[in-house]
């Protein structure tokens, strides 16, 4: 679902593709000299990377023809908007109901088949759901569908929302929100300067990293969005939740109290909208030096979340 751009050639191609696709909501760039080379680094809502002067790229000839629409690319075959993935590391769920298993179901929503990229409203929605074999079969992944998912690629990891004390919040009990460690930083080789690095160019002694520094949560129940500072929690636990304390006695301020269950919502779940702020920095050389910020970019995501009135099986 995402790619890590680790070569200057691919990074330049990504930059040009983004320019052709239209401006990102937030973006930053910086150019530095390292040794005999000049490296231009970028960060935007799709990803980050760098292009150094001694690289080269050939994008191929342009035909001048408009790209085909999704409908044309389907060529009469059915569009399958959903895919099932393993539950991300760091997500704890109760035992699934008998005969079912937990999956992360990702769905392309609000798409327009008569556009070349799904349309401006097309986006992904994520939900942790228990599925039977029959329900799992509702989301096959035929090979012809793979190119349609490429529109949503990013060099940031897919967000994995953690909700405590239970993945299904209860009415009138605080629900605490965070991201898993793996989905809130871009990690590459710990042996290189800066353990949390998603872009390493050893030829130019250039290392880049991305960390989530803020998350805005729209809980989906009609109340106002709230802002959460990320990366700093009062506990060693990365999600800042103390399992030994009552939900009302937690120190983590990233919380929301639902006053009504999601039973009346589509599929019985609230649509939680996340605005995730990534901060990208770079490091030149090894040993001495430090991280130098380039800028920040906002990435939006949607998570489906069930909220229950009382304790029930599945939470």
Foldseek 3Di string as FASTA:
>chain_A
DADQDADQQVQVVVVVVQVVVPDAPDKFKDWDDFDPKIKIWMQAQFEIAIHIDVDDYDPDDDPPDDAAFQVVLCVPPDAQFKDWAQQDPPEDWDDAPPQWDKTWMKGFPPFDRRHRQRDPPTDIEIEIDIDHPVRNVSRDDDPSNVVNCVSRYGNQDPWRKYWPPHLAAAAQFKIAIDTDPPRFKAADPCVAPPRGFSYADPVRQKTKMKGWQKKWKDQQPPDDIDIAGAPDEPDPPRSNADPVDGSVPGPGPRIDHHNDWQCVPVVQWGKMKMWIKMWMWMFGHGDDDDTDTRGIYIYMHIYTHGYYHDDDPTD
